[in-house]
Amino acid sequence: MTPEKKVKDKVVKLLKEHDAYYFYPVTGGYGASGVPDIVVCMGGKFIGIECKADGGKATALQMKNLTSIAKNGGYAVLVDETGIGSLKMMLIEISAGRGTAFAGIVFDLLKGSKDEDCND
């Protein structure tokens, strides 16, 4: 199992705990490139989650897609193994209907990053 797969498995475990609808988009050949690893609908909210291992960085195309999600009022998250706890708290707030502060921002939950807007 790859390190990134381990992160995806942890994210999926959290999504299942919240009974969220999610899927892994297929991008090779027929789909759009740069789409987040996991696309989620939870509590009527759209969430795009890009998973990385060991603080890996998103590509320019991945960031373009996450930024587009955020600009349209969705929840855009870039996460590695160190950000799982922050993602858990975010999902709790969203599922409780209190997560509006998270919409419209790309949340960078990577090792060494702060939970902040990384559109700058």
PDB file of N, CA and C in Angstrom:
ATOM      1  N   MET A   1       0.851  -1.182   0.000  1.00  0.00           N
ATOM      2  CA  MET A   1       0.000   0.000   0.000  1.00  0.00           C
ATOM      3  C   MET A   1       0.891   1.237   0.000  1.00  0.00           C
ATOM      4  N   THR A   2       0.574   2.168  -0.883  1.00  0.00           N
ATOM      5  CA  THR A   2       1.369   3.393  -0.967  1.00  0.00           C
ATOM      6  C   THR A   2       1.052   4.325   0.208  1.00  0.00           C
ATOM      7  N   PRO A   3       1.969   5.222   0.539  1.00  0.00           N
ATOM      8  CA  PRO A   3       1.693   6.187   1.613  1.00  0.00           C
ATOM      9  C   PRO A   3       0.450   7.036   1.330  1.00  0.00           C
ATOM     10  N   GLU A   4       0.235   7.420   0.066  1.00  0.00           N
ATOM     11  CA  GLU A   4      -0.952   8.211  -0.271  1.00  0.00           C
ATOM     12  C   GLU A   4      -2.230   7.389  -0.087  1.00  0.00           C
ATOM     13  N   LYS A   5      -2.187   6.116  -0.404  1.00  0.00           N
ATOM     14  CA  LYS A   5      -3.342   5.236  -0.209  1.00  0.00           C
ATOM     15  C   LYS A   5      -3.708   5.152   1.271  1.00  0.00           C
ATOM     16  N   LYS A   6      -2.709   5.166   2.130  1.00  0.00           N
ATOM     17  CA  LYS A   6      -2.976   5.150   3.578  1.00  0.00           C
ATOM     18  C   LYS A   6      -3.736   6.408   3.995  1.00  0.00           C
ATOM     19  N   VAL A   7      -3.368   7.551   3.422  1.00  0.00           N
ATOM     20  CA  VAL A   7      -4.064   8.802   3.726  1.00  0.00           C
ATOM     21  C   VAL A   7      -5.502   8.709   3.215  1.00  0.00           C
ATOM     22  N   LYS A   8      -5.677   8.232   1.990  1.00  0.00           N
ATOM     23  CA  LYS A   8      -7.021   8.091   1.424  1.00  0.00           C
ATOM     24  C   LYS A   8      -7.884   7.180   2.294  1.00  0.00           C
ATOM     25  N   ASP A   9      -7.313   6.098   2.776  1.00  0.00           N
ATOM     26  CA  ASP A   9      -8.071   5.171   3.630  1.00  0.00           C
ATOM     27  C   ASP A   9      -8.521   5.846   4.928  1.00  0.00           C
ATOM     28  N   LYS A  10      -7.665   6.680   5.503  1.00  0.00           N
ATOM     29  CA  LYS A  10      -8.032   7.402   6.727  1.00  0.00           C
ATOM     30  C   LYS A  10      -9.145   8.409   6.442  1.00  0.00           C
ATOM     31  N   VAL A  11      -9.070   9.079   5.309  1.00  0.00           N
ATOM     32  CA  VAL A  11     -10.107  10.040   4.931  1.00  0.00           C
ATOM     33  C   VAL A  11     -11.431   9.314   4.733  1.00  0.00           C
ATOM     34  N   VAL A  12     -11.401   8.196   4.007  1.00  0.00           N
ATOM     35  CA  VAL A  12     -12.628   7.429   3.748  1.00  0.00           C
ATOM     36  C   VAL A  12     -13.238   6.923   5.053  1.00  0.00           C
ATOM     37  N   LYS A  13     -12.412   6.529   5.991  1.00  0.00           N
ATOM     38  CA  LYS A  13     -12.926   6.083   7.286  1.00  0.00           C
ATOM     39  C   LYS A  13     -13.718   7.210   7.955  1.00  0.00           C
ATOM     40  N   LEU A  14     -13.184   8.430   7.913  1.00  0.00           N
ATOM     41  CA  LEU A  14     -13.894   9.584   8.479  1.00  0.00           C
ATOM     42  C   LEU A  14     -15.209   9.842   7.739  1.00  0.00           C
ATOM     43  N   LEU A  15     -15.169   9.741   6.412  1.00  0.00           N
ATOM     44  CA  LEU A  15     -16.373   9.983   5.625  1.00  0.00           C
ATOM     45  C   LEU A  15     -17.456   8.952   5.943  1.00  0.00           C
ATOM     46  N   LYS A  16     -17.047   7.719   6.125  1.00  0.00           N
ATOM     47  CA  LYS A  16     -18.009   6.668   6.480  1.00  0.00           C
ATOM     48  C   LYS A  16     -18.616   6.926   7.860  1.00  0.00           C
ATOM     49  N   GLU A  17     -17.818   7.426   8.779  1.00  0.00           N
ATOM     50  CA  GLU A  17     -18.324   7.758  10.120  1.00  0.00           C
ATOM     51  C   GLU A  17     -19.422   8.815  10.054  1.00  0.00           C
ATOM     52  N   HIS A  18     -19.370   9.671   9.024  1.00  0.00           N
ATOM     53  CA  HIS A  18     -20.362  10.737   8.856  1.00  0.00           C
ATOM     54  C   HIS A  18     -21.442  10.363   7.839  1.00  0.00           C
ATOM     55  N   ASP A  19     -21.412   9.113   7.377  1.00  0.00           N
ATOM     56  CA  ASP A  19     -22.386   8.618   6.405  1.00  0.00           C
ATOM     57  C   ASP A  19     -22.444   9.522   5.172  1.00  0.00           C
ATOM     58  N   ALA A  20     -21.277  10.005   4.744  1.00  0.00           N
ATOM     59  CA  ALA A  20     -21.180  10.896   3.593  1.00  0.00           C
ATOM     60  C   ALA A  20     -21.211  10.097   2.296  1.00  0.00           C
ATOM     61  N   TYR A  21     -21.729  10.721   1.249  1.00  0.00           N
ATOM     62  CA  TYR A  21     -21.632  10.157  -0.090  1.00  0.00           C
ATOM     63  C   TYR A  21     -20.277  10.598  -0.640  1.00  0.00           C
ATOM     64  N   TYR A  22     -19.528   9.664  -1.218  1.00  0.00           N
ATOM     65  CA  TYR A  22     -18.229  10.010  -1.783  1.00  0.00           C
ATOM     66  C   TYR A  22     -17.880   9.049  -2.910  1.00  0.00           C
ATOM     67  N   PHE A  23     -16.961   9.472  -3.752  1.00  0.00           N
ATOM     68  CA  PHE A  23     -16.427   8.580  -4.781  1.00  0.00           C
ATOM     69  C   PHE A  23     -15.049   9.060  -5.202  1.00  0.00           C
ATOM     70  N   TYR A  24     -14.320   8.134  -5.825  1.00  0.00           N
ATOM     71  CA  TYR A  24     -13.014   8.435  -6.407  1.00  0.00           C
ATOM     72  C   TYR A  24     -13.250   8.656  -7.903  1.00  0.00           C
ATOM     73  N   PRO A  25     -13.086   9.874  -8.405  1.00  0.00           N
ATOM     74  CA  PRO A  25     -13.319  10.090  -9.837  1.00  0.00           C
ATOM     75  C   PRO A  25     -12.248   9.407 -10.692  1.00  0.00           C
ATOM     76  N   VAL A  26     -12.684   8.880 -11.821  1.00  0.00           N
ATOM     77  CA  VAL A  26     -11.764   8.274 -12.781  1.00  0.00           C
ATOM     78  C   VAL A  26     -11.349   9.379 -13.742  1.00  0.00           C
ATOM     79  N   THR A  27     -10.066   9.643 -13.839  1.00  0.00           N
ATOM     80  CA  THR A  27      -9.612  10.755 -14.675  1.00  0.00           C
ATOM     81  C   THR A  27      -8.861  10.317 -15.919  1.00  0.00           C
ATOM     82  N   GLY A  28      -8.408   9.098 -15.998  1.00  0.00           N
ATOM     83  CA  GLY A  28      -7.590   8.652 -17.122  1.00  0.00           C
ATOM     84  C   GLY A  28      -8.371   8.506 -18.422  1.00  0.00           C
ATOM     85  N   GLY A  29      -8.066   9.340 -19.404  1.00  0.00           N
ATOM     86  CA  GLY A  29      -8.648   9.192 -20.727  1.00  0.00           C
ATOM     87  C   GLY A  29      -9.999   9.852 -20.918  1.00  0.00           C
ATOM     88  N   TYR A  30     -10.952   9.568 -20.053  1.00  0.00           N
ATOM     89  CA  TYR A  30     -12.305  10.064 -20.265  1.00  0.00           C
ATOM     90  C   TYR A  30     -12.721  11.162 -19.288  1.00  0.00           C
ATOM     91  N   GLY A  31     -12.049  11.273 -18.186  1.00  0.00           N
ATOM     92  CA  GLY A  31     -12.418  12.282 -17.187  1.00  0.00           C
ATOM     93  C   GLY A  31     -11.511  13.490 -17.267  1.00  0.00           C
ATOM     94  N   ALA A  32     -11.784  14.459 -16.432  1.00  0.00           N
ATOM     95  CA  ALA A  32     -10.977  15.676 -16.366  1.00  0.00           C
ATOM     96  C   ALA A  32      -9.773  15.451 -15.460  1.00  0.00           C
ATOM     97  N   SER A  33      -8.632  15.955 -15.861  1.00  0.00           N
ATOM     98  CA  SER A  33      -7.430  15.842 -15.050  1.00  0.00           C
ATOM     99  C   SER A  33      -7.443  16.876 -13.935  1.00  0.00           C
ATOM    100  N   GLY A  34      -6.762  16.570 -12.830  1.00  0.00           N
ATOM    101  CA  GLY A  34      -6.634  17.512 -11.731  1.00  0.00           C
ATOM    102  C   GLY A  34      -7.799  17.515 -10.762  1.00  0.00           C
ATOM    103  N   VAL A  35      -8.791  16.662 -11.013  1.00  0.00           N
ATOM    104  CA  VAL A  35      -9.946  16.566 -10.119  1.00  0.00           C
ATOM    105  C   VAL A  35      -9.461  16.007  -8.782  1.00  0.00           C
ATOM    106  N   PRO A  36     -10.003  16.499  -7.661  1.00  0.00           N
ATOM    107  CA  PRO A  36      -9.569  15.980  -6.357  1.00  0.00           C
ATOM    108  C   PRO A  36      -9.709  14.457  -6.266  1.00  0.00           C
ATOM    109  N   ASP A  37      -8.893  13.857  -5.414  1.00  0.00           N
ATOM    110  CA  ASP A  37      -8.893  12.404  -5.244  1.00  0.00           C
ATOM    111  C   ASP A  37     -10.243  11.864  -4.803  1.00  0.00           C
ATOM    112  N   ILE A  38     -10.905  12.608  -3.911  1.00  0.00           N
ATOM    113  CA  ILE A  38     -12.179  12.156  -3.371  1.00  0.00           C
ATOM    114  C   ILE A  38     -13.186  13.300  -3.498  1.00  0.00           C
ATOM    115  N   VAL A  39     -14.320  13.012  -4.122  1.00  0.00           N
ATOM    116  CA  VAL A  39     -15.397  13.979  -4.273  1.00  0.00           C
ATOM    117  C   VAL A  39     -16.498  13.553  -3.309  1.00  0.00           C
ATOM    118  N   VAL A  40     -16.978  14.525  -2.521  1.00  0.00           N
ATOM    119  CA  VAL A  40     -17.881  14.221  -1.407  1.00  0.00           C
ATOM    120  C   VAL A  40     -19.117  15.116  -1.458  1.00  0.00           C
ATOM    121  N   CYS A  41     -20.252  14.543  -1.073  1.00  0.00           N
ATOM    122  CA  CYS A  41     -21.446  15.324  -0.779  1.00  0.00           C
ATOM    123  C   CYS A  41     -21.864  14.925   0.635  1.00  0.00           C
ATOM    124  N   MET A  42     -21.908  15.903   1.512  1.00  0.00           N
ATOM    125  CA  MET A  42     -22.237  15.629   2.914  1.00  0.00           C
ATOM    126  C   MET A  42     -23.060  16.784   3.454  1.00  0.00           C
ATOM    127  N   GLY A  43     -24.222  16.486   3.971  1.00  0.00           N
ATOM    128  CA  GLY A  43     -25.075  17.532   4.516  1.00  0.00           C
ATOM    129  C   GLY A  43     -25.431  18.588   3.488  1.00  0.00           C
ATOM    130  N   GLY A  44     -25.558  18.175   2.222  1.00  0.00           N
ATOM    131  CA  GLY A  44     -25.888  19.119   1.165  1.00  0.00           C
ATOM    132  C   GLY A  44     -24.723  19.987   0.724  1.00  0.00           C
ATOM    133  N   LYS A  45     -23.526  19.672   1.176  1.00  0.00           N
ATOM    134  CA  LYS A  45     -22.332  20.458   0.846  1.00  0.00           C
ATOM    135  C   LYS A  45     -21.415  19.669  -0.086  1.00  0.00           C
ATOM    136  N   PHE A  46     -20.790  20.374  -1.027  1.00  0.00           N
ATOM    137  CA  PHE A  46     -19.831  19.779  -1.950  1.00  0.00           C
ATOM    138  C   PHE A  46     -18.438  19.924  -1.368  1.00  0.00           C
ATOM    139  N   ILE A  47     -17.697  18.819  -1.315  1.00  0.00           N
ATOM    140  CA  ILE A  47     -16.349  18.821  -0.754  1.00  0.00           C
ATOM    141  C   ILE A  47     -15.411  18.098  -1.716  1.00  0.00           C
ATOM    142  N   GLY A  48     -14.303  18.723  -2.052  1.00  0.00           N
ATOM    143  CA  GLY A  48     -13.257  18.092  -2.849  1.00  0.00           C
ATOM    144  C   GLY A  48     -12.038  17.891  -1.965  1.00  0.00           C
ATOM    145  N   ILE A  49     -11.538  16.655  -1.895  1.00  0.00           N
ATOM    146  CA  ILE A  49     -10.390  16.359  -1.029  1.00  0.00           C
ATOM    147  C   ILE A  49      -9.250  15.786  -1.863  1.00  0.00           C
ATOM    148  N   GLU A  50      -8.125  16.470  -1.849  1.00  0.00           N
ATOM    149  CA  GLU A  50      -6.905  16.014  -2.506  1.00  0.00           C
ATOM    150  C   GLU A  50      -5.979  15.462  -1.429  1.00  0.00           C
ATOM    151  N   CYS A  51      -5.601  14.194  -1.561  1.00  0.00           N
ATOM    152  CA  CYS A  51      -4.761  13.523  -0.562  1.00  0.00           C
ATOM    153  C   CYS A  51      -3.310  13.475  -1.026  1.00  0.00           C
ATOM    154  N   LYS A  52      -2.421  13.738  -0.106  1.00  0.00           N
ATOM    155  CA  LYS A  52      -0.981  13.667  -0.366  1.00  0.00           C
ATOM    156  C   LYS A  52      -0.329  12.913   0.788  1.00  0.00           C
ATOM    157  N   ALA A  53       0.841  12.405   0.545  1.00  0.00           N
ATOM    158  CA  ALA A  53       1.608  11.727   1.594  1.00  0.00           C
ATOM    159  C   ALA A  53       2.820  12.568   1.943  1.00  0.00           C
ATOM    160  N   ASP A  54       3.162  12.572   3.206  1.00  0.00           N
ATOM    161  CA  ASP A  54       4.395  13.221   3.675  1.00  0.00           C
ATOM    162  C   ASP A  54       4.538  14.666   3.219  1.00  0.00           C
ATOM    163  N   GLY A  55       3.470  15.433   3.275  1.00  0.00           N
ATOM    164  CA  GLY A  55       3.557  16.841   2.918  1.00  0.00           C
ATOM    165  C   GLY A  55       3.750  17.098   1.442  1.00  0.00           C
ATOM    166  N   GLY A  56       3.429  16.112   0.598  1.00  0.00           N
ATOM    167  CA  GLY A  56       3.551  16.293  -0.847  1.00  0.00           C
ATOM    168  C   GLY A  56       2.722  17.475  -1.322  1.00  0.00           C
ATOM    169  N   LYS A  57       3.164  18.112  -2.355  1.00  0.00           N
ATOM    170  CA  LYS A  57       2.495  19.316  -2.854  1.00  0.00           C
ATOM    171  C   LYS A  57       1.534  18.974  -3.987  1.00  0.00           C
ATOM    172  N   ALA A  58       0.477  19.746  -4.078  1.00  0.00           N
ATOM    173  CA  ALA A  58      -0.481  19.599  -5.169  1.00  0.00           C
ATOM    174  C   ALA A  58       0.123  20.176  -6.444  1.00  0.00           C
ATOM    175  N   THR A  59      -0.287  19.617  -7.574  1.00  0.00           N
ATOM    176  CA  THR A  59       0.144  20.160  -8.856  1.00  0.00           C
ATOM    177  C   THR A  59      -0.627  21.448  -9.124  1.00  0.00           C
ATOM    178  N   ALA A  60      -0.171  22.205 -10.097  1.00  0.00           N
ATOM    179  CA  ALA A  60      -0.858  23.446 -10.465  1.00  0.00           C
ATOM    180  C   ALA A  60      -2.292  23.158 -10.904  1.00  0.00           C
ATOM    181  N   LEU A  61      -2.509  22.079 -11.639  1.00  0.00           N
ATOM    182  CA  LEU A  61      -3.843  21.726 -12.098  1.00  0.00           C
ATOM    183  C   LEU A  61      -4.743  21.304 -10.928  1.00  0.00           C
ATOM    184  N   GLN A  62      -4.190  20.582  -9.976  1.00  0.00           N
ATOM    185  CA  GLN A  62      -4.960  20.209  -8.782  1.00  0.00           C
ATOM    186  C   GLN A  62      -5.355  21.457  -7.999  1.00  0.00           C
ATOM    187  N   MET A  63      -4.431  22.397  -7.841  1.00  0.00           N
ATOM    188  CA  MET A  63      -4.734  23.639  -7.126  1.00  0.00           C
ATOM    189  C   MET A  63      -5.768  24.473  -7.885  1.00  0.00           C
ATOM    190  N   LYS A  64      -5.700  24.454  -9.203  1.00  0.00           N
ATOM    191  CA  LYS A  64      -6.694  25.177 -10.002  1.00  0.00           C
ATOM    192  C   LYS A  64      -8.087  24.617  -9.724  1.00  0.00           C
ATOM    193  N   ASN A  65      -8.204  23.293  -9.677  1.00  0.00           N
ATOM    194  CA  ASN A  65      -9.501  22.665  -9.411  1.00  0.00           C
ATOM    195  C   ASN A  65      -9.973  22.938  -7.986  1.00  0.00           C
ATOM    196  N   LEU A  66      -9.084  22.835  -7.008  1.00  0.00           N
ATOM    197  CA  LEU A  66      -9.469  23.130  -5.625  1.00  0.00           C
ATOM    198  C   LEU A  66      -9.902  24.589  -5.479  1.00  0.00           C
ATOM    199  N   THR A  67      -9.192  25.489  -6.137  1.00  0.00           N
ATOM    200  CA  THR A  67      -9.534  26.908  -6.091  1.00  0.00           C
ATOM    201  C   THR A  67     -10.896  27.157  -6.732  1.00  0.00           C
ATOM    202  N   SER A  68     -11.180  26.463  -7.823  1.00  0.00           N
ATOM    203  CA  SER A  68     -12.472  26.607  -8.480  1.00  0.00           C
ATOM    204  C   SER A  68     -13.610  26.119  -7.576  1.00  0.00           C
ATOM    205  N   ILE A  69     -13.382  25.019  -6.885  1.00  0.00           N
ATOM    206  CA  ILE A  69     -14.379  24.512  -5.929  1.00  0.00           C
ATOM    207  C   ILE A  69     -14.637  25.579  -4.864  1.00  0.00           C
ATOM    208  N   ALA A  70     -13.561  26.128  -4.316  1.00  0.00           N
ATOM    209  CA  ALA A  70     -13.692  27.147  -3.262  1.00  0.00           C
ATOM    210  C   ALA A  70     -14.397  28.393  -3.776  1.00  0.00           C
ATOM    211  N   LYS A  71     -14.042  28.848  -4.972  1.00  0.00           N
ATOM    212  CA  LYS A  71     -14.660  30.051  -5.536  1.00  0.00           C
ATOM    213  C   LYS A  71     -16.156  29.871  -5.749  1.00  0.00           C
ATOM    214  N   ASN A  72     -16.587  28.634  -5.904  1.00  0.00           N
ATOM    215  CA  ASN A  72     -18.004  28.348  -6.106  1.00  0.00           C
ATOM    216  C   ASN A  72     -18.719  27.977  -4.816  1.00  0.00           C
ATOM    217  N   GLY A  73     -18.066  28.252  -3.675  1.00  0.00           N
ATOM    218  CA  GLY A  73     -18.705  28.043  -2.383  1.00  0.00           C
ATOM    219  C   GLY A  73     -18.585  26.650  -1.819  1.00  0.00           C
ATOM    220  N   GLY A  74     -17.797  25.808  -2.478  1.00  0.00           N
ATOM    221  CA  GLY A  74     -17.588  24.452  -1.970  1.00  0.00           C
ATOM    222  C   GLY A  74     -16.486  24.413  -0.930  1.00  0.00           C
ATOM    223  N   TYR A  75     -16.222  23.229  -0.466  1.00  0.00           N
ATOM    224  CA  TYR A  75     -15.176  22.995   0.522  1.00  0.00           C
ATOM    225  C   TYR A  75     -14.029  22.287  -0.206  1.00  0.00           C
ATOM    226  N   ALA A  76     -12.850  22.885  -0.196  1.00  0.00           N
ATOM    227  CA  ALA A  76     -11.688  22.350  -0.899  1.00  0.00           C
ATOM    228  C   ALA A  76     -10.592  22.067   0.122  1.00  0.00           C
ATOM    229  N   VAL A  77     -10.120  20.813   0.148  1.00  0.00           N
ATOM    230  CA  VAL A  77      -9.178  20.405   1.183  1.00  0.00           C
ATOM    231  C   VAL A  77      -7.994  19.676   0.552  1.00  0.00           C
ATOM    232  N   LEU A  78      -6.809  20.063   0.973  1.00  0.00           N
ATOM    233  CA  LEU A  78      -5.561  19.398   0.628  1.00  0.00           C
ATOM    234  C   LEU A  78      -5.043  18.817   1.936  1.00  0.00           C
ATOM    235  N   VAL A  79      -4.911  17.487   2.019  1.00  0.00           N
ATOM    236  CA  VAL A  79      -4.609  16.865   3.312  1.00  0.00           C
ATOM    237  C   VAL A  79      -3.547  15.767   3.178  1.00  0.00           C
ATOM    238  N   ASP A  80      -2.705  15.657   4.198  1.00  0.00           N
ATOM    239  CA  ASP A  80      -1.803  14.514   4.329  1.00  0.00           C
ATOM    240  C   ASP A  80      -2.066  13.884   5.693  1.00  0.00           C
ATOM    241  N   GLU A  81      -1.234  12.945   6.089  1.00  0.00           N
ATOM    242  CA  GLU A  81      -1.477  12.197   7.336  1.00  0.00           C
ATOM    243  C   GLU A  81      -1.476  13.091   8.574  1.00  0.00           C
ATOM    244  N   THR A  82      -0.785  14.226   8.508  1.00  0.00           N
ATOM    245  CA  THR A  82      -0.739  15.104   9.679  1.00  0.00           C
ATOM    246  C   THR A  82      -1.985  15.966   9.817  1.00  0.00           C
ATOM    247  N   GLY A  83      -2.789  16.048   8.761  1.00  0.00           N
ATOM    248  CA  GLY A  83      -3.971  16.891   8.793  1.00  0.00           C
ATOM    249  C   GLY A  83      -5.273  16.146   9.024  1.00  0.00           C
ATOM    250  N   ILE A  84      -5.193  14.844   9.288  1.00  0.00           N
ATOM    251  CA  ILE A  84      -6.410  14.044   9.474  1.00  0.00           C
ATOM    252  C   ILE A  84      -7.237  14.561  10.656  1.00  0.00           C
ATOM    253  N   GLY A  85      -6.597  14.941  11.738  1.00  0.00           N
ATOM    254  CA  GLY A  85      -7.322  15.465  12.900  1.00  0.00           C
ATOM    255  C   GLY A  85      -8.062  16.755  12.570  1.00  0.00           C
ATOM    256  N   SER A  86      -7.430  17.638  11.813  1.00  0.00           N
ATOM    257  CA  SER A  86      -8.080  18.884  11.405  1.00  0.00           C
ATOM    258  C   SER A  86      -9.240  18.604  10.459  1.00  0.00           C
ATOM    259  N   LEU A  87      -9.057  17.639   9.549  1.00  0.00           N
ATOM    260  CA  LEU A  87     -10.142  17.262   8.648  1.00  0.00           C
ATOM    261  C   LEU A  87     -11.309  16.683   9.439  1.00  0.00           C
ATOM    262  N   LYS A  88     -11.015  15.883  10.444  1.00  0.00           N
ATOM    263  CA  LYS A  88     -12.072  15.310  11.287  1.00  0.00           C
ATOM    264  C   LYS A  88     -12.896  16.417  11.932  1.00  0.00           C
ATOM    265  N   MET A  89     -12.236  17.427  12.474  1.00  0.00           N
ATOM    266  CA  MET A  89     -12.940  18.541  13.108  1.00  0.00           C
ATOM    267  C   MET A  89     -13.775  19.313  12.078  1.00  0.00           C
ATOM    268  N   MET A  90     -13.223  19.501  10.892  1.00  0.00           N
ATOM    269  CA  MET A  90     -13.946  20.190   9.829  1.00  0.00           C
ATOM    270  C   MET A  90     -15.216  19.426   9.465  1.00  0.00           C
ATOM    271  N   LEU A  91     -15.112  18.111   9.314  1.00  0.00           N
ATOM    272  CA  LEU A  91     -16.275  17.294   8.966  1.00  0.00           C
ATOM    273  C   LEU A  91     -17.329  17.311  10.069  1.00  0.00           C
ATOM    274  N   ILE A  92     -16.894  17.331  11.311  1.00  0.00           N
ATOM    275  CA  ILE A  92     -17.844  17.429  12.435  1.00  0.00           C
ATOM    276  C   ILE A  92     -18.623  18.738  12.332  1.00  0.00           C
ATOM    277  N   GLU A  93     -17.929  19.833  12.062  1.00  0.00           N
ATOM    278  CA  GLU A  93     -18.583  21.134  11.952  1.00  0.00           C
ATOM    279  C   GLU A  93     -19.529  21.179  10.757  1.00  0.00           C
ATOM    280  N   ILE A  94     -19.095  20.641   9.624  1.00  0.00           N
ATOM    281  CA  ILE A  94     -19.948  20.635   8.426  1.00  0.00           C
ATOM    282  C   ILE A  94     -21.195  19.794   8.673  1.00  0.00           C
ATOM    283  N   SER A  95     -21.027  18.606   9.249  1.00  0.00           N
ATOM    284  CA  SER A  95     -22.182  17.728   9.477  1.00  0.00           C
ATOM    285  C   SER A  95     -23.149  18.312  10.497  1.00  0.00           C
ATOM    286  N   ALA A  96     -22.658  19.159  11.384  1.00  0.00           N
ATOM    287  CA  ALA A  96     -23.514  19.802  12.384  1.00  0.00           C
ATOM    288  C   ALA A  96     -24.129  21.102  11.854  1.00  0.00           C
ATOM    289  N   GLY A  97     -23.821  21.441  10.594  1.00  0.00           N
ATOM    290  CA  GLY A  97     -24.373  22.662  10.009  1.00  0.00           C
ATOM    291  C   GLY A  97     -23.660  23.924  10.433  1.00  0.00           C
ATOM    292  N   ARG A  98     -22.480  23.768  11.035  1.00  0.00           N
ATOM    293  CA  ARG A  98     -21.728  24.938  11.500  1.00  0.00           C
ATOM    294  C   ARG A  98     -20.472  25.185  10.670  1.00  0.00           C
ATOM    295  N   GLY A  99     -20.362  24.528   9.533  1.00  0.00           N
ATOM    296  CA  GLY A  99     -19.115  24.593   8.773  1.00  0.00           C
ATOM    297  C   GLY A  99     -19.047  25.677   7.726  1.00  0.00           C
ATOM    298  N   THR A 100     -19.942  26.665   7.774  1.00  0.00           N
ATOM    299  CA  THR A 100     -19.943  27.683   6.740  1.00  0.00           C
ATOM    300  C   THR A 100     -18.637  28.476   6.685  1.00  0.00           C
ATOM    301  N   ALA A 101     -17.926  28.570   7.780  1.00  0.00           N
ATOM    302  CA  ALA A 101     -16.647  29.303   7.786  1.00  0.00           C
ATOM    303  C   ALA A 101     -15.596  28.597   6.933  1.00  0.00           C
ATOM    304  N   PHE A 102     -15.813  27.315   6.645  1.00  0.00           N
ATOM    305  CA  PHE A 102     -14.845  26.558   5.851  1.00  0.00           C
ATOM    306  C   PHE A 102     -15.106  26.665   4.356  1.00  0.00           C
ATOM    307  N   ALA A 103     -16.298  27.102   3.955  1.00  0.00           N
ATOM    308  CA  ALA A 103     -16.639  27.171   2.538  1.00  0.00           C
ATOM    309  C   ALA A 103     -15.888  28.313   1.869  1.00  0.00           C
ATOM    310  N   GLY A 104     -15.543  28.114   0.608  1.00  0.00           N
ATOM    311  CA  GLY A 104     -14.922  29.168  -0.174  1.00  0.00           C
ATOM    312  C   GLY A 104     -13.449  29.384   0.090  1.00  0.00           C
ATOM    313  N   ILE A 105     -12.823  28.476   0.806  1.00  0.00           N
ATOM    314  CA  ILE A 105     -11.397  28.579   1.114  1.00  0.00           C
ATOM    315  C   ILE A 105     -10.735  27.246   0.790  1.00  0.00           C
ATOM    316  N   VAL A 106      -9.529  27.290   0.234  1.00  0.00           N
ATOM    317  CA  VAL A 106      -8.758  26.061   0.042  1.00  0.00           C
ATOM    318  C   VAL A 106      -7.990  25.820   1.330  1.00  0.00           C
ATOM    319  N   PHE A 107      -8.307  24.740   2.025  1.00  0.00           N
ATOM    320  CA  PHE A 107      -7.645  24.421   3.284  1.00  0.00           C
ATOM    321  C   PHE A 107      -6.466  23.508   3.035  1.00  0.00           C
ATOM    322  N   ASP A 108      -5.299  23.983   3.406  1.00  0.00           N
ATOM    323  CA  ASP A 108      -4.047  23.263   3.240  1.00  0.00           C
ATOM    324  C   ASP A 108      -3.703  22.607   4.577  1.00  0.00           C
ATOM    325  N   LEU A 109      -3.999  21.316   4.687  1.00  0.00           N
ATOM    326  CA  LEU A 109      -3.752  20.577   5.928  1.00  0.00           C
ATOM    327  C   LEU A 109      -2.539  19.664   5.774  1.00  0.00           C
ATOM    328  N   LEU A 110      -1.514  20.180   5.116  1.00  0.00           N
ATOM    329  CA  LEU A 110      -0.288  19.416   4.896  1.00  0.00           C
ATOM    330  C   LEU A 110       0.714  19.661   6.009  1.00  0.00           C
ATOM    331  N   LYS A 111       1.598  18.695   6.181  1.00  0.00           N
ATOM    332  CA  LYS A 111       2.670  18.812   7.161  1.00  0.00           C
ATOM    333  C   LYS A 111       3.407  20.138   6.978  1.00  0.00           C
ATOM    334  N   GLY A 112       3.564  20.858   8.060  1.00  0.00           N
ATOM    335  CA  GLY A 112       4.297  22.114   8.016  1.00  0.00           C
ATOM    336  C   GLY A 112       3.475  23.298   7.538  1.00  0.00           C
ATOM    337  N   SER A 113       2.206  23.073   7.227  1.00  0.00           N
ATOM    338  CA  SER A 113       1.346  24.164   6.781  1.00  0.00           C
ATOM    339  C   SER A 113       0.359  24.514   7.879  1.00  0.00           C
ATOM    340  N   LYS A 114      -0.134  25.712   7.822  1.00  0.00           N
ATOM    341  CA  LYS A 114      -1.192  26.126   8.726  1.00  0.00           C
ATOM    342  C   LYS A 114      -2.520  25.845   8.036  1.00  0.00           C
ATOM    343  N   ASP A 115      -3.587  25.730   8.801  1.00  0.00           N
ATOM    344  CA  ASP A 115      -4.923  25.577   8.243  1.00  0.00           C
ATOM    345  C   ASP A 115      -5.377  26.948   7.790  1.00  0.00           C
ATOM    346  N   GLU A 116      -5.008  27.304   6.578  1.00  0.00           N
ATOM    347  CA  GLU A 116      -5.307  28.647   6.113  1.00  0.00           C
ATOM    348  C   GLU A 116      -5.551  28.635   4.621  1.00  0.00           C
ATOM    349  N   ASP A 117      -6.027  29.751   4.134  1.00  0.00           N
ATOM    350  CA  ASP A 117      -6.264  29.933   2.708  1.00  0.00           C
ATOM    351  C   ASP A 117      -4.911  29.909   1.994  1.00  0.00           C
ATOM    352  N   CYS A 118      -4.759  29.023   1.032  1.00  0.00           N
ATOM    353  CA  CYS A 118      -3.480  28.966   0.308  1.00  0.00           C
ATOM    354  C   CYS A 118      -3.645  29.476  -1.110  1.00  0.00           C
ATOM    355  N   ASN A 119      -4.625  30.361  -1.326  1.00  0.00           N
ATOM    356  CA  ASN A 119      -4.825  30.955  -2.636  1.00  0.00           C
ATOM    357  C   ASN A 119      -3.892  32.134  -2.877  1.00  0.00           C
ATOM    358  N   ASP A 120      -3.224  32.615  -1.830  1.00  0.00           N
ATOM    359  CA  ASP A 120      -2.381  33.814  -1.962  1.00  0.00           C
ATOM    360  C   ASP A 120      -1.221  33.601  -2.905  1.00  0.00           C
TER     361      ASP A 120
END
